[in-house]
């Protein structure tokens, strides 16, 4: 994986985690868990590239 792609993916995942945590502390459970599909897609994307 190229360095730029890895940095962009890291920023994307960190942004999702920060948003999810912020919404969880705000009491918005639905918005907090709405980021899980995107995290799963990012995980599957990374695992596909490693194989």
C-alpha atoms as a PDB file:
ATOM      1  CA  UNK A   1       0.000   0.000   0.000  1.00  0.00           C
ATOM      2  CA  UNK A   2       1.316   3.407  -0.893  1.00  0.00           C
ATOM      3  CA  UNK A   3       2.207   5.859   1.822  1.00  0.00           C
ATOM      4  CA  UNK A   4      -0.313   8.499   0.703  1.00  0.00           C
ATOM      5  CA  UNK A   5      -3.142   5.959   0.588  1.00  0.00           C
ATOM      6  CA  UNK A   6      -2.259   4.725   4.044  1.00  0.00           C
ATOM      7  CA  UNK A   7      -2.220   8.256   5.461  1.00  0.00           C
ATOM      8  CA  UNK A   8      -5.591   9.074   3.865  1.00  0.00           C
ATOM      9  CA  UNK A   9      -7.108   5.850   5.167  1.00  0.00           C
ATOM     10  CA  UNK A  10      -5.741   6.537   8.643  1.00  0.00           C
ATOM     11  CA  UNK A  11      -7.202  10.057   8.637  1.00  0.00           C
ATOM     12  CA  UNK A  12     -10.551   8.673   7.441  1.00  0.00           C
ATOM     13  CA  UNK A  13     -10.690   5.992  10.148  1.00  0.00           C
ATOM     14  CA  UNK A  14      -9.583   8.388  12.883  1.00  0.00           C
ATOM     15  CA  UNK A  15     -12.222  10.862  11.749  1.00  0.00           C
ATOM     16  CA  UNK A  16     -14.890   8.175  11.959  1.00  0.00           C
ATOM     17  CA  UNK A  17     -13.785   7.118  15.434  1.00  0.00           C
ATOM     18  CA  UNK A  18     -13.704  10.715  16.672  1.00  0.00           C
ATOM     19  CA  UNK A  19     -17.160  11.408  15.212  1.00  0.00           C
ATOM     20  CA  UNK A  20     -18.556   8.217  16.711  1.00  0.00           C
ATOM     21  CA  UNK A  21     -17.121   8.993  20.140  1.00  0.00           C
ATOM     22  CA  UNK A  22     -18.396  12.573  20.009  1.00  0.00           C
ATOM     23  CA  UNK A  23     -21.915  11.406  19.099  1.00  0.00           C
ATOM     24  CA  UNK A  24     -21.843   8.746  21.808  1.00  0.00           C
ATOM     25  CA  UNK A  25     -21.002  11.305  24.491  1.00  0.00           C
ATOM     26  CA  UNK A  26     -23.689  13.613  23.088  1.00  0.00           C
ATOM     27  CA  UNK A  27     -26.220  10.843  23.668  1.00  0.00           C
ATOM     28  CA  UNK A  28     -26.939  10.167  20.009  1.00  0.00           C
ATOM     29  CA  UNK A  29     -26.593   6.392  19.882  1.00  0.00           C
ATOM     30  CA  UNK A  30     -27.947   5.980  16.343  1.00  0.00           C
ATOM     31  CA  UNK A  31     -25.408   8.397  14.855  1.00  0.00           C
ATOM     32  CA  UNK A  32     -22.658   6.800  16.895  1.00  0.00           C
ATOM     33  CA  UNK A  33     -23.305   3.327  15.485  1.00  0.00           C
ATOM     34  CA  UNK A  34     -23.932   4.589  11.953  1.00  0.00           C
ATOM     35  CA  UNK A  35     -20.174   4.729  11.342  1.00  0.00           C
ATOM     36  CA  UNK A  36     -19.691   0.996  11.907  1.00  0.00           C
ATOM     37  CA  UNK A  37     -20.396  -0.030   8.281  1.00  0.00           C
ATOM     38  CA  UNK A  38     -17.747   2.410   7.061  1.00  0.00           C
ATOM     39  CA  UNK A  39     -15.226   1.027   9.533  1.00  0.00           C
ATOM     40  CA  UNK A  40     -16.035  -2.503   8.378  1.00  0.00           C
ATOM     41  CA  UNK A  41     -15.524  -1.500   4.739  1.00  0.00           C
ATOM     42  CA  UNK A  42     -12.187   0.104   5.607  1.00  0.00           C
ATOM     43  CA  UNK A  43     -11.126  -3.049   7.487  1.00  0.00           C
ATOM     44  CA  UNK A  44     -12.072  -5.315   4.592  1.00  0.00           C
ATOM     45  CA  UNK A  45     -10.258  -2.990   2.176  1.00  0.00           C
ATOM     46  CA  UNK A  46      -7.062  -3.209   4.229  1.00  0.00           C
ATOM     47  CA  UNK A  47      -7.305  -6.994   4.610  1.00  0.00           C
ATOM     48  CA  UNK A  48      -7.848  -7.437   0.863  1.00  0.00           C
ATOM     49  CA  UNK A  49      -4.701  -5.450   0.103  1.00  0.00           C
ATOM     50  CA  UNK A  50      -2.575  -7.467   2.531  1.00  0.00           C
ATOM     51  CA  UNK A  51      -3.513 -10.815   0.951  1.00  0.00           C
END
